[in-house]
Amino acid sequence: MKKFVIILMIIQLAGLLLAESGGEYGFKMLTIDIGTSISAQGGTGSFSNYDSFSFLANPAAGVYNRGEMISVAHKFWIFDTSLTGLGYIKSTGKRSFGVAFRQLDYGKIDERDDTGDLIGEFHPLDLVFTLHGGYRINPDHYAAINISGLYEKIDDSSSLGGSLDLGYAYITPIKELMVAAAVKHLGFTTKMDKEKLPLPLSFEFSLIKGFETEVYRIFAELKTLKNIDDENIKGAVGINAILYDRFSLRLGYKINYDAEDFSVGVGFQIRRFYIDYTYLPFDYEIDDVHMIGLSYRF
C-alpha cells in the first residue's frame, strides 16, 4: 500500500509542477480517444471494456484485461475530419503485448494567398504507431508502457516525434474497487517550419468501482485529467452496464470541456464479434460525432 501511495503522489505532483508552463502544442490527435466504447464513457472505461484500444487510454488496462483481440474503429470527427484506428492486444494476465495504428485525416483544404485567391489545396495528416508492453507486478499491482512513433504533415511542412505513456493500476482491498493513474505523451518532436511543437503532456487519476449480479455487471469510473496546455483540471464520469454478457449500455459526462459533455453508446456481442456504436454531441453548432467499432476475440 505504501508503494502505491508514493507512486500516485509522484504522478500528481509532477502534473501540478508542469501545468504552469504554456505555449503551443502539436500532435493534438493524441488527446482524441479512438476506442469506441471508451469514447461513449467520456474517456473512461479502459478497465471494463475489451476492445484492443484500451491500453491507449491507460497502458495498465492492456495487461489487466486478459485475452487476445483485434479491433478496428472509425470516428467521423468534427469539421469533416475522420479518425481511423487498428489495434491488437494479447494479455495472459501476467504480461501483455499490443500494437495500434491511428490516422487523423483532415481531408483536402483550400490554400489561398495573402489576397484570398485560391492557389491550390493541401492535405494535412497525422499518423501514430504504438507498441505496448505490460506486466502484473503482483496480484494487486499492474504497470505498463506505450511507445509511439509520430508523424504530422501540414501543407509542405512535416514533423516526426516519439511519445511515451506510463500506466499503473492497483486493486484495493475494498471489493471491486480499483485506482489507476497515467502519465501520457512524454516525448519529443522535430521542427515543423523552423519551430518545435511540444507534445500535449497529460496526467490522469481514476477510481473504478464494479457492481455485479447474476443478470448484469455495472462499472463506474471517475477520472480527473490535467493537460499541460490547459489551466483547468478536467474530469469525466462514465458508466458501463453489461447485461447477460451480451449487451452493453454506456454513458459518459465530461466536466470542464469547452464543447463536450454527454456521450452515449451501445455494444453487442455476437459469438466472438463485438460491435460498438457511440454518439458524441457537440455544442456551438459543431457537427455531432458518430463512431463505429468492430472487434474479434480469439
Protein backbone atom coordinates (compact mmCIF):
# COMPACT_ATOMS: atom_id res chain seq x y z
CA MET A 1 0.00 0.00 0.00
CA LYS A 2 2.86 2.40 0.84
CA LYS A 3 4.40 1.82 -2.62
CA PHE A 4 1.08 2.64 -4.26
CA VAL A 5 0.65 5.92 -2.36
CA ILE A 6 4.18 7.07 -3.23
CA ILE A 7 3.68 6.37 -6.96
CA LEU A 8 0.42 8.34 -7.05
CA MET A 9 1.93 11.27 -5.15
CA ILE A 10 4.83 11.50 -7.62
CA ILE A 11 2.49 11.41 -10.62
CA GLN A 12 0.15 14.08 -9.25
CA LEU A 13 2.98 16.35 -8.02
CA ALA A 14 4.71 16.21 -11.40
CA GLY A 15 1.44 17.15 -13.07
CA LEU A 16 0.96 20.20 -10.85
CA LEU A 17 4.53 21.43 -11.37
CA LEU A 18 4.49 21.09 -15.15
CA ALA A 19 1.00 22.53 -15.51
CA GLU A 20 2.32 26.09 -15.09
CA SER A 21 4.04 26.12 -18.48
CA GLY A 22 2.23 27.39 -21.57
CA GLY A 23 2.71 27.73 -25.30
CA GLU A 24 1.59 25.96 -28.43
CA TYR A 25 1.38 22.19 -28.59
CA GLY A 26 1.38 19.77 -31.50
CA PHE A 27 0.01 16.29 -32.25
CA LYS A 28 -3.35 17.07 -30.66
CA MET A 29 -4.72 13.83 -32.10
CA LEU A 30 -3.03 12.08 -29.18
CA THR A 31 -5.75 13.53 -26.94
CA ILE A 32 -8.62 12.15 -29.07
CA ASP A 33 -9.96 8.77 -27.95
CA ILE A 34 -10.09 6.14 -30.70
CA GLY A 35 -11.76 3.37 -28.68
CA THR A 36 -15.49 3.39 -29.47
CA SER A 37 -16.55 2.06 -26.07
CA ILE A 38 -14.20 4.39 -24.18
CA SER A 39 -15.43 7.42 -26.12
CA ALA A 40 -19.00 6.55 -25.12
CA GLN A 41 -17.97 6.82 -21.47
CA GLY A 42 -16.35 10.22 -21.74
CA GLY A 43 -12.84 8.78 -21.99
CA THR A 44 -13.30 6.37 -19.08
CA GLY A 45 -13.88 2.61 -19.10
CA SER A 46 -10.49 1.29 -20.19
CA PHE A 47 -10.60 -1.36 -17.43
CA SER A 48 -14.18 -2.50 -18.12
CA ASN A 49 -14.20 -2.69 -21.93
CA TYR A 50 -12.40 -5.23 -24.03
CA ASP A 51 -11.61 -3.64 -27.36
CA SER A 52 -7.98 -3.51 -28.46
CA PHE A 53 -7.62 0.22 -27.80
CA SER A 54 -8.00 0.10 -24.01
CA PHE A 55 -4.22 0.35 -23.49
CA LEU A 56 -4.19 3.70 -25.31
CA ALA A 57 -6.45 5.19 -22.61
CA ASN A 58 -4.35 3.69 -19.79
CA PRO A 59 -1.43 1.35 -20.57
CA ALA A 60 -2.12 -0.73 -17.44
CA ALA A 61 -5.52 -1.71 -18.84
CA GLY A 62 -3.73 -3.70 -21.54
CA VAL A 63 -2.37 -6.24 -19.07
CA TYR A 64 -5.41 -6.13 -16.75
CA ASN A 65 -7.92 -7.06 -19.50
CA ARG A 66 -6.95 -10.67 -20.09
CA GLY A 67 -7.43 -12.14 -23.57
CA GLU A 68 -6.48 -11.68 -27.22
CA MET A 69 -8.36 -9.32 -29.52
CA ILE A 70 -8.11 -7.30 -32.70
CA SER A 71 -10.19 -4.16 -33.29
CA VAL A 72 -10.88 -1.56 -35.93
CA ALA A 73 -12.64 1.76 -35.28
CA HIS A 74 -13.68 4.77 -37.30
CA LYS A 75 -14.60 8.16 -35.90
CA PHE A 76 -16.50 10.64 -38.08
CA TRP A 77 -14.83 13.59 -36.36
CA ILE A 78 -15.71 17.29 -36.34
CA PHE A 79 -15.36 19.61 -39.36
CA ASP A 80 -15.42 16.69 -41.84
CA THR A 81 -12.26 15.13 -40.44
CA SER A 82 -12.02 11.42 -39.62
CA LEU A 83 -10.00 9.30 -37.23
CA THR A 84 -9.33 5.63 -38.02
CA GLY A 85 -7.62 3.07 -35.82
CA LEU A 86 -6.46 -0.54 -35.95
CA GLY A 87 -5.32 -2.32 -32.79
CA TYR A 88 -4.24 -5.69 -31.42
CA ILE A 89 -3.74 -6.75 -27.81
CA LYS A 90 -2.83 -10.02 -26.12
CA SER A 91 -2.72 -10.39 -22.33
CA THR A 92 -2.12 -13.53 -20.31
CA GLY A 93 -2.98 -11.66 -17.12
CA LYS A 94 0.71 -11.67 -16.24
CA ARG A 95 2.14 -9.98 -19.34
CA SER A 96 0.71 -8.15 -22.31
CA PHE A 97 1.76 -7.06 -25.78
CA GLY A 98 -0.12 -4.76 -28.11
CA VAL A 99 0.17 -2.63 -31.24
CA ALA A 100 -2.04 0.15 -32.58
CA PHE A 101 -2.14 2.41 -35.59
CA ARG A 102 -4.08 5.69 -35.74
CA GLN A 103 -4.64 8.10 -38.61
CA LEU A 104 -6.30 11.52 -38.39
CA ASP A 105 -7.33 12.65 -41.88
CA TYR A 106 -8.25 16.34 -42.25
CA GLY A 107 -9.33 15.98 -45.87
CA LYS A 108 -8.32 18.40 -48.61
CA ILE A 109 -8.14 22.07 -47.60
CA ASP A 110 -8.06 25.07 -49.96
CA GLU A 111 -4.79 27.01 -50.00
CA ARG A 112 -5.05 30.74 -50.58
CA ASP A 113 -2.53 33.55 -50.93
CA ASP A 114 -2.44 36.78 -48.91
CA THR A 115 -5.14 38.33 -51.09
CA GLY A 116 -7.50 35.40 -50.59
CA ASP A 117 -7.17 33.96 -54.08
CA LEU A 118 -7.25 30.18 -54.41
CA ILE A 119 -3.83 28.84 -55.40
CA GLY A 120 -4.27 25.12 -54.72
CA GLU A 121 -5.03 22.69 -51.94
CA PHE A 122 -3.20 20.65 -49.33
CA HIS A 123 -3.96 17.53 -47.32
CA PRO A 124 -2.91 17.61 -43.61
CA LEU A 125 -2.37 14.24 -41.96
CA ASP A 126 -1.42 12.83 -38.54
CA LEU A 127 -0.13 9.26 -38.06
CA VAL A 128 0.69 7.43 -34.83
CA PHE A 129 2.09 3.89 -34.43
CA THR A 130 2.18 2.48 -30.89
CA LEU A 131 3.86 -0.52 -29.24
CA HIS A 132 2.59 -1.66 -25.83
CA GLY A 133 4.04 -3.84 -23.09
CA GLY A 134 2.57 -4.59 -19.66
CA TYR A 135 3.40 -6.59 -16.55
CA ARG A 136 1.50 -7.66 -13.43
CA ILE A 137 3.87 -6.88 -10.57
CA ASN A 138 1.82 -8.95 -8.12
CA PRO A 139 -1.89 -9.90 -7.88
CA ASP A 140 -2.89 -6.32 -6.98
CA HIS A 141 -0.45 -4.13 -8.94
CA TYR A 142 -0.27 -3.63 -12.71
CA ALA A 143 2.18 -1.48 -14.68
CA ALA A 144 2.62 -0.90 -18.41
CA ILE A 145 4.21 1.32 -21.03
CA ASN A 146 3.33 2.55 -24.53
CA ILE A 147 5.97 3.77 -27.00
CA SER A 148 4.72 5.67 -30.05
CA GLY A 149 6.19 6.97 -33.28
CA LEU A 150 4.55 10.17 -34.55
CA TYR A 151 4.21 11.89 -37.91
CA GLU A 152 2.39 15.14 -38.66
CA LYS A 153 2.13 16.90 -42.04
CA ILE A 154 0.64 20.32 -42.78
CA ASP A 155 0.97 21.64 -46.34
CA ASP A 156 4.67 21.18 -47.26
CA SER A 157 5.89 21.08 -43.64
CA SER A 158 6.13 17.94 -41.53
CA SER A 159 7.37 16.77 -38.14
CA LEU A 160 8.42 13.46 -36.59
CA GLY A 161 8.32 12.57 -32.93
CA GLY A 162 8.37 9.96 -30.21
CA SER A 163 6.00 9.60 -27.29
CA LEU A 164 5.91 7.59 -24.06
CA ASP A 165 2.89 6.67 -21.89
CA LEU A 166 3.15 5.14 -18.41
CA GLY A 167 0.21 3.45 -16.70
CA TYR A 168 -0.41 1.94 -13.28
CA ALA A 169 -3.37 0.24 -11.58
CA TYR A 170 -3.98 -1.05 -8.07
CA ILE A 171 -6.77 -3.40 -6.93
CA THR A 172 -7.69 -2.18 -3.46
CA PRO A 173 -8.82 -4.38 -0.55
CA ILE A 174 -12.32 -2.91 -0.98
CA LYS A 175 -14.44 -5.24 -3.09
CA GLU A 176 -14.31 -4.38 -6.83
CA LEU A 177 -12.63 -1.01 -6.23
CA MET A 178 -9.61 -0.10 -8.32
CA VAL A 179 -7.48 3.03 -8.64
CA ALA A 180 -5.41 3.88 -11.71
CA ALA A 181 -3.03 6.60 -12.83
CA ALA A 182 -1.23 7.51 -16.03
CA VAL A 183 1.31 9.95 -17.43
CA LYS A 184 0.77 10.31 -21.18
CA HIS A 185 2.53 11.93 -24.13
CA LEU A 186 6.01 12.33 -22.71
CA GLY A 187 8.32 12.84 -25.66
CA PHE A 188 9.83 15.00 -28.37
CA THR A 189 9.23 16.24 -31.90
CA THR A 190 11.39 17.54 -34.72
CA LYS A 191 10.93 21.08 -36.00
CA MET A 192 7.97 21.92 -38.21
CA ASP A 193 8.61 25.05 -40.26
CA LYS A 194 11.60 26.01 -38.04
CA GLU A 195 9.70 25.51 -34.77
CA LYS A 196 9.38 22.58 -32.39
CA LEU A 197 5.90 21.94 -31.00
CA PRO A 198 5.92 20.16 -27.63
CA LEU A 199 3.54 17.27 -27.04
CA PRO A 200 0.27 17.68 -25.06
CA LEU A 201 1.55 16.09 -21.85
CA SER A 202 -1.25 14.92 -19.52
CA PHE A 203 -1.71 13.36 -16.08
CA GLU A 204 -4.68 11.18 -15.13
CA PHE A 205 -6.10 9.60 -11.99
CA SER A 206 -9.14 7.30 -11.83
CA LEU A 207 -11.37 5.49 -9.36
CA ILE A 208 -13.19 2.45 -10.77
CA LYS A 209 -15.97 0.56 -8.95
CA GLY A 210 -17.77 -2.57 -10.09
CA PHE A 211 -21.17 -3.97 -9.14
CA GLU A 212 -22.30 -7.45 -10.19
CA THR A 213 -25.36 -9.71 -10.05
CA GLU A 214 -26.40 -12.83 -11.98
CA VAL A 215 -28.07 -10.65 -14.63
CA TYR A 216 -25.88 -7.58 -15.03
CA ARG A 217 -22.49 -6.06 -14.32
CA ILE A 218 -22.06 -2.32 -13.86
CA PHE A 219 -18.76 -0.47 -13.85
CA ALA A 220 -18.49 3.20 -12.87
CA GLU A 221 -15.38 5.34 -13.23
CA LEU A 222 -14.47 8.83 -12.06
CA LYS A 223 -11.43 10.32 -13.78
CA THR A 224 -9.51 13.56 -13.23
CA LEU A 225 -7.29 14.86 -16.02
CA LYS A 226 -4.69 17.64 -16.17
CA ASN A 227 -3.31 18.69 -19.54
CA ILE A 228 -0.12 20.74 -19.53
CA ASP A 229 -1.61 23.12 -22.13
CA ASP A 230 -4.78 23.79 -20.12
CA GLU A 231 -5.04 25.67 -16.84
CA ASN A 232 -8.20 23.80 -15.80
CA ILE A 233 -8.39 20.37 -14.23
CA LYS A 234 -10.87 18.34 -16.24
CA GLY A 235 -12.98 15.39 -15.20
CA ALA A 236 -15.14 12.63 -16.57
CA VAL A 237 -17.71 10.18 -15.21
CA GLY A 238 -18.54 7.01 -17.11
CA ILE A 239 -20.87 4.04 -16.62
CA ASN A 240 -20.84 0.73 -18.45
CA ALA A 241 -23.84 -1.58 -17.85
CA ILE A 242 -23.40 -5.11 -19.25
CA LEU A 243 -26.46 -7.37 -19.46
CA TYR A 244 -26.07 -11.14 -19.75
CA ASP A 245 -22.52 -10.60 -21.09
CA ARG A 246 -24.04 -9.80 -24.50
CA PHE A 247 -25.33 -6.20 -24.47
CA SER A 248 -23.65 -3.05 -23.14
CA LEU A 249 -25.13 0.38 -22.50
CA ARG A 250 -22.54 3.12 -21.94
CA LEU A 251 -22.94 6.67 -20.70
CA GLY A 252 -20.39 9.42 -20.10
CA TYR A 253 -20.21 13.01 -18.93
CA LYS A 254 -17.20 15.33 -19.30
CA ILE A 255 -16.52 18.17 -16.87
CA ASN A 256 -14.75 21.45 -17.79
CA TYR A 257 -14.62 20.70 -21.51
CA ASP A 258 -15.39 23.61 -23.85
CA ALA A 259 -17.75 21.93 -26.31
CA GLU A 260 -18.34 18.42 -24.93
CA ASP A 261 -20.41 16.98 -22.10
CA PHE A 262 -22.74 13.98 -22.55
CA SER A 263 -21.95 10.87 -24.59
CA VAL A 264 -23.76 7.58 -25.11
CA GLY A 265 -23.05 4.26 -26.77
CA VAL A 266 -24.14 0.66 -27.15
CA GLY A 267 -22.33 -2.60 -27.73
CA PHE A 268 -23.38 -6.08 -28.85
CA GLN A 269 -21.56 -9.39 -28.68
CA ILE A 270 -22.30 -11.98 -31.37
CA ARG A 271 -20.21 -15.07 -30.72
CA ARG A 272 -16.62 -13.81 -30.90
CA PHE A 273 -17.50 -10.48 -32.52
CA TYR A 274 -18.13 -7.20 -30.68
CA ILE A 275 -19.98 -4.39 -32.45
CA ASP A 276 -19.93 -0.91 -30.88
CA TYR A 277 -21.54 2.44 -31.65
CA THR A 278 -21.03 5.82 -29.95
CA TYR A 279 -22.76 9.18 -30.29
CA LEU A 280 -20.97 12.38 -29.18
CA PRO A 281 -22.99 15.62 -29.31
CA PHE A 282 -21.06 18.91 -29.53
CA ASP A 283 -22.01 22.47 -28.60
CA TYR A 284 -21.50 25.75 -30.55
CA GLU A 285 -23.02 24.42 -33.78
CA ILE A 286 -20.19 21.91 -34.20
CA ASP A 287 -21.30 18.77 -36.03
CA ASP A 288 -22.11 15.84 -33.78
CA VAL A 289 -19.72 12.89 -33.91
CA HIS A 290 -20.53 9.25 -34.65
CA MET A 291 -18.21 6.28 -34.05
CA ILE A 292 -18.34 2.64 -35.07
CA GLY A 293 -16.10 -0.18 -33.93
CA LEU A 294 -15.69 -3.88 -34.63
CA SER A 295 -13.62 -6.30 -32.57
CA TYR A 296 -12.86 -10.02 -32.75
CA ARG A 297 -11.86 -12.01 -29.68
CA PHE A 298 -9.62 -15.02 -30.33
